[in-house]
PDB file of N, CA and C in Angstrom:
ATOM      1  N   MET A   1     201.479 -70.383  87.324  1.00  0.00           N
ATOM      2  CA  MET A   1     200.522 -69.423  86.721  1.00  0.00           C
ATOM      3  C   MET A   1     200.647 -68.488  88.229  1.00  0.00           C
ATOM      4  N   ALA A   2     199.810 -67.435  87.835  1.00  0.00           N
ATOM      5  CA  ALA A   2     199.442 -67.121  89.324  1.00  0.00           C
ATOM      6  C   ALA A   2     198.164 -67.248  89.438  1.00  0.00           C
ATOM      7  N   ALA A   3     197.707 -67.104  90.273  1.00  0.00           N
ATOM      8  CA  ALA A   3     196.549 -67.036  91.296  1.00  0.00           C
ATOM      9  C   ALA A   3     195.561 -65.876  90.873  1.00  0.00           C
ATOM     10  N   ILE A   4     196.221 -64.958  91.133  1.00  0.00           N
ATOM     11  CA  ILE A   4     195.806 -63.638  90.719  1.00  0.00           C
ATOM     12  C   ILE A   4     196.547 -63.263  89.587  1.00  0.00           C
ATOM     13  N   LYS A   5     195.298 -62.666  88.799  1.00  0.00           N
ATOM     14  CA  LYS A   5     196.129 -61.686  87.399  1.00  0.00           C
ATOM     15  C   LYS A   5     197.195 -60.507  87.928  1.00  0.00           C
ATOM     16  N   PRO A   6     198.119 -60.375  87.709  1.00  0.00           N
ATOM     17  CA  PRO A   6     199.097 -59.404  88.157  1.00  0.00           C
ATOM     18  C   PRO A   6     198.334 -57.524  87.798  1.00  0.00           C
ATOM     19  N   ILE A   7     198.426 -56.695  88.466  1.00  0.00           N
ATOM     20  CA  ILE A   7     198.126 -55.265  88.149  1.00  0.00           C
ATOM     21  C   ILE A   7     199.279 -54.975  86.934  1.00  0.00           C
ATOM     22  N   THR A   8     198.494 -54.730  85.992  1.00  0.00           N
ATOM     23  CA  THR A   8     199.945 -54.236  84.779  1.00  0.00           C
ATOM     24  C   THR A   8     199.597 -52.859  84.129  1.00  0.00           C
ATOM     25  N   GLY A   9     200.073 -52.157  84.049  1.00  0.00           N
ATOM     26  CA  GLY A   9     199.928 -50.180  83.632  1.00  0.00           C
ATOM     27  C   GLY A   9     199.683 -49.283  84.319  1.00  0.00           C
ATOM     28  N   MET A  10     199.703 -49.667  85.632  1.00  0.00           N
ATOM     29  CA  MET A  10     199.802 -48.694  86.533  1.00  0.00           C
ATOM     30  C   MET A  10     200.861 -47.673  86.684  1.00  0.00           C
ATOM     31  N   LEU A  11     202.177 -48.419  86.357  1.00  0.00           N
ATOM     32  CA  LEU A  11     203.303 -47.237  86.021  1.00  0.00           C
ATOM     33  C   LEU A  11     202.859 -46.675  85.352  1.00  0.00           C
ATOM     34  N   LYS A  12     202.871 -47.009  83.938  1.00  0.00           N
ATOM     35  CA  LYS A  12     202.484 -45.825  82.711  1.00  0.00           C
ATOM     36  C   LYS A  12     201.647 -45.112  82.565  1.00  0.00           C
ATOM     37  N   LYS A  13     200.049 -45.114  83.411  1.00  0.00           N
ATOM     38  CA  LYS A  13     199.163 -44.615  83.242  1.00  0.00           C
ATOM     39  C   LYS A  13     199.313 -43.399  84.426  1.00  0.00           C
ATOM     40  N   GLY A  14     199.946 -43.580  85.664  1.00  0.00           N
ATOM     41  CA  GLY A  14     200.737 -42.744  86.978  1.00  0.00           C
ATOM     42  C   GLY A  14     201.908 -42.352  86.610  1.00  0.00           C
ATOM     43  N   LEU A  15     202.609 -42.504  85.898  1.00  0.00           N
ATOM     44  CA  LEU A  15     203.544 -41.147  84.904  1.00  0.00           C
ATOM     45  C   LEU A  15     202.945 -40.614  83.971  1.00  0.00           C
ATOM     46  N   ILE A  16     202.232 -40.723  83.086  1.00  0.00           N
ATOM     47  CA  ILE A  16     201.647 -40.040  82.211  1.00  0.00           C
ATOM     48  C   ILE A  16     201.003 -38.833  83.075  1.00  0.00           C
ATOM     49  N   THR A  17     199.884 -39.282  84.136  1.00  0.00           N
ATOM     50  CA  THR A  17     198.922 -38.500  85.038  1.00  0.00           C
ATOM     51  C   THR A  17     199.473 -37.520  85.552  1.00  0.00           C
ATOM     52  N   ASP A  18     200.682 -37.693  86.249  1.00  0.00           N
ATOM     53  CA  ASP A  18     201.736 -37.073  86.758  1.00  0.00           C
ATOM     54  C   ASP A  18     202.698 -36.183  86.321  1.00  0.00           C
ATOM     55  N   LEU A  19     202.967 -36.365  84.684  1.00  0.00           N
ATOM     56  CA  LEU A  19     203.740 -35.519  84.036  1.00  0.00           C
ATOM     57  C   LEU A  19     202.333 -34.338  83.680  1.00  0.00           C
ATOM     58  N   SER A  20     201.600 -34.973  83.175  1.00  0.00           N
ATOM     59  CA  SER A  20     200.391 -33.866  82.496  1.00  0.00           C
ATOM     60  C   SER A  20     199.833 -33.199  83.560  1.00  0.00           C
ATOM     61  N   ILE A  21     200.017 -33.386  84.913  1.00  0.00           N
ATOM     62  CA  ILE A  21     199.306 -32.378  86.130  1.00  0.00           C
ATOM     63  C   ILE A  21     200.405 -31.395  86.432  1.00  0.00           C
ATOM     64  N   ALA A  22     201.943 -32.375  86.271  1.00  0.00           N
ATOM     65  CA  ALA A  22     202.868 -31.440  86.441  1.00  0.00           C
ATOM     66  C   ALA A  22     203.373 -30.607  85.580  1.00  0.00           C
ATOM     67  N   LEU A  23     203.245 -30.422  84.194  1.00  0.00           N
ATOM     68  CA  LEU A  23     203.620 -29.343  82.981  1.00  0.00           C
ATOM     69  C   LEU A  23     202.346 -29.058  82.218  1.00  0.00           C
ATOM     70  N   GLY A  24     201.119 -29.157  82.869  1.00  0.00           N
ATOM     71  CA  GLY A  24     200.172 -28.468  82.188  1.00  0.00           C
ATOM     72  C   GLY A  24     199.769 -27.319  82.632  1.00  0.00           C
ATOM     73  N   THR A  25     200.315 -26.257  84.031  1.00  0.00           N
ATOM     74  CA  THR A  25     200.072 -25.279  83.802  1.00  0.00           C
ATOM     75  C   THR A  25     201.333 -24.433  82.904  1.00  0.00           C
ATOM     76  N   HIS A  26     202.361 -24.722  82.341  1.00  0.00           N
ATOM     77  CA  HIS A  26     203.358 -24.224  81.449  1.00  0.00           C
ATOM     78  C   HIS A  26     202.382 -23.510  80.366  1.00  0.00           C
ATOM     79  N   PHE A  27     201.573 -24.360  80.102  1.00  0.00           N
ATOM     80  CA  PHE A  27     200.770 -24.368  78.188  1.00  0.00           C
ATOM     81  C   PHE A  27     199.641 -22.884  78.721  1.00  0.00           C
ATOM     82  N   LEU A  28     199.460 -23.298  79.993  1.00  0.00           N
ATOM     83  CA  LEU A  28     198.101 -21.545  80.394  1.00  0.00           C
ATOM     84  C   LEU A  28     198.384 -20.499  79.902  1.00  0.00           C
ATOM     85  N   VAL A  29     199.719 -20.312  79.731  1.00  0.00           N
ATOM     86  CA  VAL A  29     199.959 -18.568  80.379  1.00  0.00           C
ATOM     87  C   VAL A  29     200.657 -18.170  79.394  1.00  0.00           C
ATOM     88  N   PRO A  30     200.886 -16.785  78.873  1.00  0.00           N
ATOM     89  CA  PRO A  30     201.808 -16.519  77.959  1.00  0.00           C
ATOM     90  C   PRO A  30     203.465 -16.967  78.556  1.00  0.00           C
ATOM     91  N   SER A  31     204.576 -16.728  77.636  1.00  0.00           N
ATOM     92  CA  SER A  31     205.781 -17.025  77.979  1.00  0.00           C
ATOM     93  C   SER A  31     206.138 -15.670  78.077  1.00  0.00           C
ATOM     94  N   ASP A  32     205.215 -14.368  77.506  1.00  0.00           N
ATOM     95  CA  ASP A  32     206.454 -13.492  78.221  1.00  0.00           C
ATOM     96  C   ASP A  32     205.668 -12.730  79.704  1.00  0.00           C
ATOM     97  N   ASP A  33     205.019 -12.866  80.293  1.00  0.00           N
ATOM     98  CA  ASP A  33     204.487 -12.850  81.633  1.00  0.00           C
ATOM     99  C   ASP A  33     205.182 -13.406  82.687  1.00  0.00           C
ATOM    100  N   LEU A  34     206.503 -13.134  83.126  1.00  0.00           N
ATOM    101  CA  LEU A  34     206.921 -14.247  83.801  1.00  0.00           C
ATOM    102  C   LEU A  34     206.326 -14.194  85.546  1.00  0.00           C
ATOM    103  N   SER A  35     205.730 -13.339  85.802  1.00  0.00           N
ATOM    104  CA  SER A  35     205.283 -13.122  87.043  1.00  0.00           C
ATOM    105  C   SER A  35     204.206 -14.032  87.376  1.00  0.00           C
ATOM    106  N   SER A  36     203.094 -14.234  86.136  1.00  0.00           N
ATOM    107  CA  SER A  36     202.036 -14.966  86.222  1.00  0.00           C
ATOM    108  C   SER A  36     202.699 -16.402  86.325  1.00  0.00           C
ATOM    109  N   THR A  37     203.692 -16.781  85.243  1.00  0.00           N
ATOM    110  CA  THR A  37     204.117 -18.327  84.982  1.00  0.00           C
ATOM    111  C   THR A  37     204.519 -18.916  86.388  1.00  0.00           C
ATOM    112  N   THR A  38     205.326 -17.814  87.124  1.00  0.00           N
ATOM    113  CA  THR A  38     206.106 -17.961  88.832  1.00  0.00           C
ATOM    114  C   THR A  38     204.670 -17.902  89.340  1.00  0.00           C
ATOM    115  N   ALA A  39     204.130 -17.381  89.201  1.00  0.00           N
ATOM    116  CA  ALA A  39     202.857 -17.806  90.313  1.00  0.00           C
ATOM    117  C   ALA A  39     201.890 -19.066  90.019  1.00  0.00           C
ATOM    118  N   LEU A  40     201.899 -19.613  88.902  1.00  0.00           N
ATOM    119  CA  LEU A  40     200.913 -20.401  88.328  1.00  0.00           C
ATOM    120  C   LEU A  40     201.666 -21.651  88.840  1.00  0.00           C
ATOM    121  N   GLY A  41     203.241 -21.644  88.493  1.00  0.00           N
ATOM    122  CA  GLY A  41     203.596 -22.600  88.993  1.00  0.00           C
ATOM    123  C   GLY A  41     204.231 -22.890  90.412  1.00  0.00           C
ATOM    124  N   ARG A  42     203.662 -21.963  91.513  1.00  0.00           N
ATOM    125  CA  ARG A  42     203.672 -22.315  92.563  1.00  0.00           C
ATOM    126  C   ARG A  42     202.757 -22.725  93.288  1.00  0.00           C
ATOM    127  N   ILE A  43     201.209 -22.199  91.936  1.00  0.00           N
ATOM    128  CA  ILE A  43     200.440 -22.957  92.469  1.00  0.00           C
ATOM    129  C   ILE A  43     200.163 -24.490  92.180  1.00  0.00           C
ATOM    130  N   GLY A  44     201.099 -24.628  90.929  1.00  0.00           N
ATOM    131  CA  GLY A  44     200.868 -25.665  90.186  1.00  0.00           C
ATOM    132  C   GLY A  44     201.488 -26.583  91.209  1.00  0.00           C
ATOM    133  N   ALA A  45     202.437 -26.391  92.092  1.00  0.00           N
ATOM    134  CA  ALA A  45     203.483 -27.086  92.838  1.00  0.00           C
ATOM    135  C   ALA A  45     202.822 -27.506  94.253  1.00  0.00           C
ATOM    136  N   VAL A  46     201.878 -26.445  94.551  1.00  0.00           N
ATOM    137  CA  VAL A  46     201.395 -26.463  96.137  1.00  0.00           C
ATOM    138  C   VAL A  46     200.395 -27.851  95.833  1.00  0.00           C
ATOM    139  N   MET A  47     199.537 -27.398  94.912  1.00  0.00           N
ATOM    140  CA  MET A  47     198.721 -28.258  93.907  1.00  0.00           C
ATOM    141  C   MET A  47     199.074 -30.096  93.806  1.00  0.00           C
ATOM    142  N   GLY A  48     199.896 -29.607  93.157  1.00  0.00           N
ATOM    143  CA  GLY A  48     200.792 -31.377  92.562  1.00  0.00           C
ATOM    144  C   GLY A  48     201.024 -31.685  94.099  1.00  0.00           C
ATOM    145  N   SER A  49     201.679 -31.387  95.228  1.00  0.00           N
ATOM    146  CA  SER A  49     202.003 -31.682  96.595  1.00  0.00           C
ATOM    147  C   SER A  49     200.862 -32.175  97.249  1.00  0.00           C
ATOM    148  N   LEU A  50     199.714 -31.348  97.265  1.00  0.00           N
ATOM    149  CA  LEU A  50     198.485 -31.522  98.131  1.00  0.00           C
ATOM    150  C   LEU A  50     197.989 -33.024  97.124  1.00  0.00           C
ATOM    151  N   PHE A  51     198.048 -33.524  95.870  1.00  0.00           N
ATOM    152  CA  PHE A  51     197.380 -34.339  95.230  1.00  0.00           C
ATOM    153  C   PHE A  51     198.318 -35.489  95.998  1.00  0.00           C
ATOM    154  N   TRP A  52     199.481 -35.480  96.004  1.00  0.00           N
ATOM    155  CA  TRP A  52     200.432 -36.663  96.215  1.00  0.00           C
ATOM    156  C   TRP A  52     200.092 -37.023  97.504  1.00  0.00           C
ATOM    157  N   HIS A  53     200.469 -36.243  98.457  1.00  0.00           N
ATOM    158  CA  HIS A  53     200.355 -36.690 100.003  1.00  0.00           C
ATOM    159  C   HIS A  53     198.792 -36.866 100.493  1.00  0.00           C
ATOM    160  N   GLY A  54     198.402 -36.202  99.801  1.00  0.00           N
ATOM    161  CA  GLY A  54     196.517 -35.782 100.675  1.00  0.00           C
ATOM    162  C   GLY A  54     195.939 -37.119  99.738  1.00  0.00           C
ATOM    163  N   TYR A  55     195.596 -37.506  98.267  1.00  0.00           N
ATOM    164  CA  TYR A  55     195.273 -38.751  97.742  1.00  0.00           C
ATOM    165  C   TYR A  55     195.665 -39.699  97.062  1.00  0.00           C
ATOM    166  N   HIS A  56     197.159 -39.481  96.381  1.00  0.00           N
ATOM    167  CA  HIS A  56     197.620 -40.413  96.047  1.00  0.00           C
ATOM    168  C   HIS A  56     198.000 -41.415  96.914  1.00  0.00           C
ATOM    169  N   MET A  57     199.088 -40.818  97.717  1.00  0.00           N
ATOM    170  CA  MET A  57     199.656 -41.704  98.786  1.00  0.00           C
ATOM    171  C   MET A  57     198.782 -42.614 100.168  1.00  0.00           C
ATOM    172  N   PRO A  58     197.933 -41.413 100.153  1.00  0.00           N
ATOM    173  CA  PRO A  58     197.105 -42.893 101.343  1.00  0.00           C
ATOM    174  C   PRO A  58     196.181 -43.896 100.769  1.00  0.00           C
ATOM    175  N   ARG A  59     195.932 -43.561  99.328  1.00  0.00           N
ATOM    176  CA  ARG A  59     195.230 -44.628  98.417  1.00  0.00           C
ATOM    177  C   ARG A  59     196.317 -45.488  97.957  1.00  0.00           C
ATOM    178  N   THR A  60     197.576 -45.304  98.129  1.00  0.00           N
ATOM    179  CA  THR A  60     198.916 -46.220  97.780  1.00  0.00           C
ATOM    180  C   THR A  60     198.888 -47.062  98.800  1.00  0.00           C
ATOM    181  N   ILE A  61     199.045 -46.463  99.519  1.00  0.00           N
ATOM    182  CA  ILE A  61     199.061 -47.494 101.157  1.00  0.00           C
ATOM    183  C   ILE A  61     198.236 -47.873 101.623  1.00  0.00           C
ATOM    184  N   ALA A  62     196.724 -47.932 100.985  1.00  0.00           N
ATOM    185  CA  ALA A  62     195.954 -48.444 101.639  1.00  0.00           C
ATOM    186  C   ALA A  62     195.525 -49.624 100.736  1.00  0.00           C
ATOM    187  N   ARG A  63     196.120 -49.474  99.378  1.00  0.00           N
ATOM    188  CA  ARG A  63     196.203 -50.784  98.292  1.00  0.00           C
ATOM    189  C   ARG A  63     197.227 -51.746  98.965  1.00  0.00           C
ATOM    190  N   ASP A  64     198.363 -51.186  98.690  1.00  0.00           N
ATOM    191  CA  ASP A  64     199.522 -51.915  99.726  1.00  0.00           C
ATOM    192  C   ASP A  64     198.846 -52.600 100.716  1.00  0.00           C
ATOM    193  N   ASN A  65     198.317 -52.192 101.698  1.00  0.00           N
ATOM    194  CA  ASN A  65     197.676 -52.735 103.093  1.00  0.00           C
ATOM    195  C   ASN A  65     197.044 -54.369 102.849  1.00  0.00           C
ATOM    196  N   PHE A  66     195.631 -53.411 101.444  1.00  0.00           N
ATOM    197  CA  PHE A  66     195.135 -54.867 101.117  1.00  0.00           C
ATOM    198  C   PHE A  66     195.428 -55.736 100.335  1.00  0.00           C
ATOM    199  N   TYR A  67     196.564 -55.479  99.469  1.00  0.00           N
ATOM    200  CA  TYR A  67     196.861 -56.858  99.007  1.00  0.00           C
ATOM    201  C   TYR A  67     198.052 -57.733  99.807  1.00  0.00           C
ATOM    202  N   SER A  68     198.912 -56.653 100.870  1.00  0.00           N
ATOM    203  CA  SER A  68     199.908 -57.695 101.781  1.00  0.00           C
ATOM    204  C   SER A  68     198.828 -58.607 102.719  1.00  0.00           C
ATOM    205  N   ALA A  69     197.252 -58.518 103.464  1.00  0.00           N
ATOM    206  CA  ALA A  69     196.689 -58.812 103.956  1.00  0.00           C
ATOM    207  C   ALA A  69     196.549 -60.078 103.703  1.00  0.00           C
ATOM    208  N   LEU A  70     196.213 -59.589 102.037  1.00  0.00           N
ATOM    209  CA  LEU A  70     195.302 -60.544 101.051  1.00  0.00           C
ATOM    210  C   LEU A  70     196.091 -61.628 100.937  1.00  0.00           C
ATOM    211  N   GLU A  71     197.782 -61.742 100.784  1.00  0.00           N
ATOM    212  CA  GLU A  71     198.983 -62.395 100.339  1.00  0.00           C
ATOM    213  C   GLU A  71     198.924 -63.149 101.718  1.00  0.00           C
ATOM    214  N   LYS A  72     198.824 -62.407 103.068  1.00  0.00           N
ATOM    215  CA  LYS A  72     198.764 -63.111 104.090  1.00  0.00           C
ATOM    216  C   LYS A  72     198.073 -64.065 104.327  1.00  0.00           C
ATOM    217  N   GLU A  73     196.848 -63.412 104.530  1.00  0.00           N
ATOM    218  CA  GLU A  73     195.454 -64.608 104.764  1.00  0.00           C
ATOM    219  C   GLU A  73     195.618 -66.056 103.498  1.00  0.00           C
ATOM    220  N   ARG A  74     195.987 -65.508 102.366  1.00  0.00           N
ATOM    221  CA  ARG A  74     196.459 -66.672 101.191  1.00  0.00           C
ATOM    222  C   ARG A  74     197.319 -67.784 101.908  1.00  0.00           C
ATOM    223  N   ALA A  75     198.630 -67.295 102.589  1.00  0.00           N
ATOM    224  CA  ALA A  75     199.693 -67.797 103.275  1.00  0.00           C
ATOM    225  C   ALA A  75     199.420 -68.959 103.991  1.00  0.00           C
ATOM    226  N   THR A  76     198.296 -68.277 104.742  1.00  0.00           N
ATOM    227  CA  THR A  76     198.152 -68.454 105.658  1.00  0.00           C
ATOM    228  C   THR A  76     197.130 -70.165 105.949  1.00  0.00           C
ATOM    229  N   LYS A  77     196.215 -69.761 104.793  1.00  0.00           N
ATOM    230  CA  LYS A  77     195.238 -70.781 104.429  1.00  0.00           C
ATOM    231  C   LYS A  77     195.853 -71.903 103.603  1.00  0.00           C
ATOM    232  N   GLN A  78     197.019 -71.880 102.257  1.00  0.00           N
ATOM    233  CA  GLN A  78     198.083 -72.404 102.212  1.00  0.00           C
ATOM    234  C   GLN A  78     198.753 -73.295 103.584  1.00  0.00           C
ATOM    235  N   GLY A  79     199.102 -73.053 104.030  1.00  0.00           N
ATOM    236  CA  GLY A  79     200.060 -73.248 105.455  1.00  0.00           C
ATOM    237  C   GLY A  79     198.980 -74.565 106.067  1.00  0.00           C
ATOM    238  N   GLN A  80     197.454 -74.288 105.958  1.00  0.00           N
ATOM    239  CA  GLN A  80     196.658 -74.942 107.554  1.00  0.00           C
ATOM    240  C   GLN A  80     196.801 -76.174 106.958  1.00  0.00           C
TER     241      GLN A  80
END
């Protein structure tokens, strides 16, 4: 049995959030207005990229670093 309860459901929640953000702009404009759809699609792609690289990835890296340090500390304590 693990000492720390595993984190579950993060992939599913993240996938649903990412897909809703990515596909959300397609339902905001009528399909016959191609220029607006293209502009909104580009804005959506830029905003998605800003979210991914400006918010999501730094938080993911920080989380991974935290758990790596925690695991290293735990391994050091068990080794003594």
